[in-house]
């Protein structure tokens, strides 16, 4: 990444934010941030759990051996689930 002319992608900023970059990559981002207030603002706006969300999205779930939810729980109308009539 050419620090002077290229802004890091949102993905790179997110990985930097979450400590997921190598030392060289992190140093490049730090150098860019020292010169670019716009990217500092972008970095500050990133959610603190962005890396966790990326990891969860990358997971594959095997539900073949999961215990099914009984139908009487799964399809219970909202009014019954809360003890009777809707009290709005």
Foldseek 3Di string as FASTA:
>chain_A
DPLVPDDDDLVLLLCLLQVNDDPVSVVSNVVSVVVDVVVVVSSVPDDNCPVVVVVVVPDDDDCVPPDDDDPCVVPPDPQVVVPHHDDD
